[in-house]
Amino acid sequence: MVRGERLAVFLLAVGIFAMGVLSLVYRDFAYTWQPVPAFPGRGTVAVVCGLFMMAVSVGLVFPQTLRIAARALFPFLIAWQCLKVPALVAAPKIVGVWLGFGETAVLLAGGWVVFARFSGVRSRGFFTHIAGERGVRAATILMGAALLPIGLS
């Protein structure tokens, strides 16, 4: 990993760690993940997600654990992105819904680049399309597309 990549991964890890701390301290999901509907055990799930984000962030910092952390973070971010889709379908004319979708997509793009570069799954079946240089290119396109609703809001 070159110096610029190390700094970028570190900054992503710091941001994800901070969101995890917020979830842990307030026993609620970080603002980026909102709105999350009320359900039994919501606070517990928020704390577990916070602990997960903190653990993954620490894993991203160390070369020995970077690969597994990248593999864990990417599906987590995909799941959160997918949870934003129902709001888009229900209220596509509300700008705030698009803002939340875009903000989460920016995080997903960052996690996708880390996954594409450092997960080590480049030559395995389906993963050839989302890892390596193809994955980085797709994440770059997602990042650009995600900035549109953020800017428009």
C-alpha atoms as a PDB file:
ATOM      1  CA  MET A   1       0.000   0.000   0.000  1.00  0.00           C
ATOM      2  CA  VAL A   2       1.432   3.372  -0.986  1.00  0.00           C
ATOM      3  CA  ARG A   3       1.415   6.382   1.339  1.00  0.00           C
ATOM      4  CA  GLY A   4      -1.621   8.098  -0.237  1.00  0.00           C
ATOM      5  CA  GLU A   5      -3.680   4.920  -0.040  1.00  0.00           C
ATOM      6  CA  ARG A   6      -2.689   4.432   3.584  1.00  0.00           C
ATOM      7  CA  LEU A   7      -3.857   7.946   4.453  1.00  0.00           C
ATOM      8  CA  ALA A   8      -7.161   7.497   2.581  1.00  0.00           C
ATOM      9  CA  VAL A   9      -7.897   4.176   4.316  1.00  0.00           C
ATOM     10  CA  PHE A  10      -6.950   5.712   7.673  1.00  0.00           C
ATOM     11  CA  LEU A  11      -9.324   8.634   7.165  1.00  0.00           C
ATOM     12  CA  LEU A  12     -12.154   6.297   6.148  1.00  0.00           C
ATOM     13  CA  ALA A  13     -11.432   4.216   9.251  1.00  0.00           C
ATOM     14  CA  VAL A  14     -11.517   7.311  11.476  1.00  0.00           C
ATOM     15  CA  GLY A  15     -14.891   8.360  10.039  1.00  0.00           C
ATOM     16  CA  ILE A  16     -16.421   4.911  10.390  1.00  0.00           C
ATOM     17  CA  PHE A  17     -14.987   4.613  13.914  1.00  0.00           C
ATOM     18  CA  ALA A  18     -16.520   7.956  14.896  1.00  0.00           C
ATOM     19  CA  MET A  19     -19.918   6.848  13.605  1.00  0.00           C
ATOM     20  CA  GLY A  20     -19.535   3.678  15.650  1.00  0.00           C
ATOM     21  CA  VAL A  21     -18.749   5.696  18.767  1.00  0.00           C
ATOM     22  CA  LEU A  22     -21.870   7.809  18.200  1.00  0.00           C
ATOM     23  CA  SER A  23     -23.996   4.677  17.901  1.00  0.00           C
ATOM     24  CA  LEU A  24     -22.463   3.268  21.058  1.00  0.00           C
ATOM     25  CA  VAL A  25     -22.720   6.423  23.185  1.00  0.00           C
ATOM     26  CA  TYR A  26     -26.253   7.393  22.183  1.00  0.00           C
ATOM     27  CA  ARG A  27     -27.552   3.840  21.729  1.00  0.00           C
ATOM     28  CA  ASP A  28     -28.978   4.950  18.421  1.00  0.00           C
ATOM     29  CA  PHE A  29     -27.901   4.795  14.818  1.00  0.00           C
ATOM     30  CA  ALA A  30     -25.630   7.541  13.512  1.00  0.00           C
ATOM     31  CA  TYR A  31     -27.377  10.310  11.599  1.00  0.00           C
ATOM     32  CA  THR A  32     -26.132   8.988   8.260  1.00  0.00           C
ATOM     33  CA  TRP A  33     -28.095   5.770   8.728  1.00  0.00           C
ATOM     34  CA  GLN A  34     -31.353   7.507   9.731  1.00  0.00           C
ATOM     35  CA  PRO A  35     -34.266   7.186   9.572  1.00  0.00           C
ATOM     36  CA  VAL A  36     -34.400   3.763  11.142  1.00  0.00           C
ATOM     37  CA  PRO A  37     -37.923   2.759  12.192  1.00  0.00           C
ATOM     38  CA  ALA A  38     -38.684   1.800  15.771  1.00  0.00           C
ATOM     39  CA  PHE A  39     -38.589  -1.924  16.499  1.00  0.00           C
ATOM     40  CA  PRO A  40     -37.996  -4.053  19.593  1.00  0.00           C
ATOM     41  CA  GLY A  41     -34.300  -4.134  20.419  1.00  0.00           C
ATOM     42  CA  ARG A  42     -33.456  -1.120  18.246  1.00  0.00           C
ATOM     43  CA  GLY A  43     -30.997   0.266  20.799  1.00  0.00           C
ATOM     44  CA  THR A  44     -29.232  -3.073  21.082  1.00  0.00           C
ATOM     45  CA  VAL A  45     -28.912  -3.386  17.315  1.00  0.00           C
ATOM     46  CA  ALA A  46     -27.541   0.179  17.180  1.00  0.00           C
ATOM     47  CA  VAL A  47     -24.909  -0.685  19.789  1.00  0.00           C
ATOM     48  CA  VAL A  48     -23.952  -3.891  17.956  1.00  0.00           C
ATOM     49  CA  CYS A  49     -23.628  -1.949  14.688  1.00  0.00           C
ATOM     50  CA  GLY A  50     -21.529   0.653  16.493  1.00  0.00           C
ATOM     51  CA  LEU A  51     -19.214  -1.992  17.933  1.00  0.00           C
ATOM     52  CA  PHE A  52     -18.960  -3.615  14.502  1.00  0.00           C
ATOM     53  CA  MET A  53     -18.011  -0.295  12.879  1.00  0.00           C
ATOM     54  CA  MET A  54     -15.401   0.358  15.546  1.00  0.00           C
ATOM     55  CA  ALA A  55     -13.893  -3.125  15.167  1.00  0.00           C
ATOM     56  CA  VAL A  56     -13.798  -2.928  11.378  1.00  0.00           C
ATOM     57  CA  SER A  57     -12.202   0.510  11.573  1.00  0.00           C
ATOM     58  CA  VAL A  58      -9.428  -0.776  13.779  1.00  0.00           C
ATOM     59  CA  GLY A  59      -8.999  -3.670  11.357  1.00  0.00           C
ATOM     60  CA  LEU A  60      -8.576  -1.268   8.440  1.00  0.00           C
ATOM     61  CA  VAL A  61      -5.630   0.442  10.114  1.00  0.00           C
ATOM     62  CA  PHE A  62      -3.393  -2.612  10.458  1.00  0.00           C
ATOM     63  CA  PRO A  63      -1.970  -4.392   7.386  1.00  0.00           C
ATOM     64  CA  GLN A  64      -2.468  -7.814   8.993  1.00  0.00           C
ATOM     65  CA  THR A  65      -6.228  -7.302   9.344  1.00  0.00           C
ATOM     66  CA  LEU A  66      -6.943  -5.011   6.384  1.00  0.00           C
ATOM     67  CA  ARG A  67      -8.081  -7.829   4.090  1.00  0.00           C
ATOM     68  CA  ILE A  68     -10.691  -9.249   6.470  1.00  0.00           C
ATOM     69  CA  ALA A  69     -11.855  -5.776   7.521  1.00  0.00           C
ATOM     70  CA  ALA A  70     -12.382  -4.784   3.880  1.00  0.00           C
ATOM     71  CA  ARG A  71     -14.357  -7.979   3.304  1.00  0.00           C
ATOM     72  CA  ALA A  72     -16.545  -7.258   6.343  1.00  0.00           C
ATOM     73  CA  LEU A  73     -17.113  -3.540   5.748  1.00  0.00           C
ATOM     74  CA  PHE A  74     -18.231  -3.757   2.115  1.00  0.00           C
ATOM     75  CA  PRO A  75     -21.349  -5.947   2.649  1.00  0.00           C
ATOM     76  CA  PHE A  76     -22.245  -3.882   5.724  1.00  0.00           C
ATOM     77  CA  LEU A  77     -22.265  -0.716   3.614  1.00  0.00           C
ATOM     78  CA  ILE A  78     -24.186  -2.445   0.816  1.00  0.00           C
ATOM     79  CA  ALA A  79     -26.859  -3.460   3.330  1.00  0.00           C
ATOM     80  CA  TRP A  80     -27.239   0.117   4.576  1.00  0.00           C
ATOM     81  CA  GLN A  81     -27.444   1.397   1.008  1.00  0.00           C
ATOM     82  CA  CYS A  82     -30.178  -1.119   0.230  1.00  0.00           C
ATOM     83  CA  LEU A  83     -32.122   0.038   3.296  1.00  0.00           C
ATOM     84  CA  LYS A  84     -32.326   3.515   1.727  1.00  0.00           C
ATOM     85  CA  VAL A  85     -34.109   2.239  -1.400  1.00  0.00           C
ATOM     86  CA  PRO A  86     -37.633   1.812   0.076  1.00  0.00           C
ATOM     87  CA  ALA A  87     -37.698   5.496   1.066  1.00  0.00           C
ATOM     88  CA  LEU A  88     -36.798   6.445  -2.520  1.00  0.00           C
ATOM     89  CA  VAL A  89     -39.674   4.363  -3.815  1.00  0.00           C
ATOM     90  CA  ALA A  90     -42.139   5.695  -1.234  1.00  0.00           C
ATOM     91  CA  ALA A  91     -41.220   9.379  -1.508  1.00  0.00           C
ATOM     92  CA  PRO A  92     -39.151  10.060  -4.633  1.00  0.00           C
ATOM     93  CA  LYS A  93     -40.020  13.781  -4.670  1.00  0.00           C
ATOM     94  CA  ILE A  94     -38.591  14.512  -1.210  1.00  0.00           C
ATOM     95  CA  VAL A  95     -35.101  15.958  -1.510  1.00  0.00           C
ATOM     96  CA  GLY A  96     -34.013  14.747   1.941  1.00  0.00           C
ATOM     97  CA  VAL A  97     -34.548  11.135   0.910  1.00  0.00           C
ATOM     98  CA  TRP A  98     -32.165  11.599  -2.012  1.00  0.00           C
ATOM     99  CA  LEU A  99     -29.655  13.351   0.253  1.00  0.00           C
ATOM    100  CA  GLY A 100     -29.589  10.387   2.622  1.00  0.00           C
ATOM    101  CA  PHE A 101     -29.230   7.989  -0.289  1.00  0.00           C
ATOM    102  CA  GLY A 102     -26.329  10.031  -1.687  1.00  0.00           C
ATOM    103  CA  GLU A 103     -24.541  10.302   1.658  1.00  0.00           C
ATOM    104  CA  THR A 104     -24.711   6.573   2.198  1.00  0.00           C
ATOM    105  CA  ALA A 105     -23.572   5.967  -1.384  1.00  0.00           C
ATOM    106  CA  VAL A 106     -20.455   8.081  -0.738  1.00  0.00           C
ATOM    107  CA  LEU A 107     -19.568   5.837   2.203  1.00  0.00           C
ATOM    108  CA  LEU A 108     -20.281   2.782   0.064  1.00  0.00           C
ATOM    109  CA  ALA A 109     -18.000   4.101  -2.679  1.00  0.00           C
ATOM    110  CA  GLY A 110     -15.157   4.524  -0.179  1.00  0.00           C
ATOM    111  CA  GLY A 111     -15.707   1.065   1.247  1.00  0.00           C
ATOM    112  CA  TRP A 112     -15.918  -0.357  -2.260  1.00  0.00           C
ATOM    113  CA  VAL A 113     -12.522   1.085  -3.209  1.00  0.00           C
ATOM    114  CA  VAL A 114     -11.003  -0.431  -0.068  1.00  0.00           C
ATOM    115  CA  PHE A 115     -12.645  -3.758  -0.902  1.00  0.00           C
ATOM    116  CA  ALA A 116     -11.547  -3.619  -4.554  1.00  0.00           C
ATOM    117  CA  ARG A 117      -7.948  -2.816  -3.681  1.00  0.00           C
ATOM    118  CA  PHE A 118      -7.288  -4.817  -0.536  1.00  0.00           C
ATOM    119  CA  SER A 119      -9.756  -7.716  -0.162  1.00  0.00           C
ATOM    120  CA  GLY A 120      -7.677 -10.129  -2.218  1.00  0.00           C
ATOM    121  CA  VAL A 121     -10.657 -11.626  -4.091  1.00  0.00           C
ATOM    122  CA  ARG A 122      -9.745 -10.321  -7.564  1.00  0.00           C
ATOM    123  CA  SER A 123      -9.543 -13.616  -9.413  1.00  0.00           C
ATOM    124  CA  ARG A 124     -12.586 -15.401  -8.029  1.00  0.00           C
ATOM    125  CA  GLY A 125     -15.696 -15.685 -10.239  1.00  0.00           C
ATOM    126  CA  PHE A 126     -18.194 -12.910  -9.648  1.00  0.00           C
ATOM    127  CA  PHE A 127     -15.687 -10.871  -7.664  1.00  0.00           C
ATOM    128  CA  THR A 128     -13.708 -10.107 -10.829  1.00  0.00           C
ATOM    129  CA  HIS A 129     -16.488  -7.601 -11.633  1.00  0.00           C
ATOM    130  CA  ILE A 130     -16.440  -5.780  -8.287  1.00  0.00           C
ATOM    131  CA  ALA A 131     -12.796  -6.082  -7.228  1.00  0.00           C
ATOM    132  CA  GLY A 132      -9.504  -4.991  -8.721  1.00  0.00           C
ATOM    133  CA  GLU A 133      -9.376  -2.134 -11.192  1.00  0.00           C
ATOM    134  CA  ARG A 134     -12.925  -2.813 -12.428  1.00  0.00           C
ATOM    135  CA  GLY A 135     -14.211  -2.438  -8.895  1.00  0.00           C
ATOM    136  CA  VAL A 136     -12.283   0.790  -8.346  1.00  0.00           C
ATOM    137  CA  ARG A 137     -13.702   2.184 -11.588  1.00  0.00           C
ATOM    138  CA  ALA A 138     -17.262   1.240 -10.610  1.00  0.00           C
ATOM    139  CA  ALA A 139     -16.790   2.779  -7.147  1.00  0.00           C
ATOM    140  CA  THR A 140     -15.506   5.969  -8.764  1.00  0.00           C
ATOM    141  CA  ILE A 141     -18.631   6.145 -10.928  1.00  0.00           C
ATOM    142  CA  LEU A 142     -20.800   5.530  -7.854  1.00  0.00           C
ATOM    143  CA  MET A 143     -19.008   8.343  -6.041  1.00  0.00           C
ATOM    144  CA  GLY A 144     -19.662  10.764  -8.876  1.00  0.00           C
ATOM    145  CA  ALA A 145     -23.297   9.741  -9.136  1.00  0.00           C
ATOM    146  CA  ALA A 146     -23.738  10.018  -5.360  1.00  0.00           C
ATOM    147  CA  LEU A 147     -22.550  13.617  -5.378  1.00  0.00           C
ATOM    148  CA  LEU A 148     -25.419  14.657  -7.666  1.00  0.00           C
ATOM    149  CA  PRO A 149     -28.260  14.264  -5.143  1.00  0.00           C
ATOM    150  CA  ILE A 150     -26.065  15.693  -2.400  1.00  0.00           C
ATOM    151  CA  GLY A 151     -25.325  18.782  -4.458  1.00  0.00           C
ATOM    152  CA  LEU A 152     -28.903  19.187  -5.626  1.00  0.00           C
ATOM    153  CA  SER A 153     -30.275  18.974  -2.109  1.00  0.00           C
END
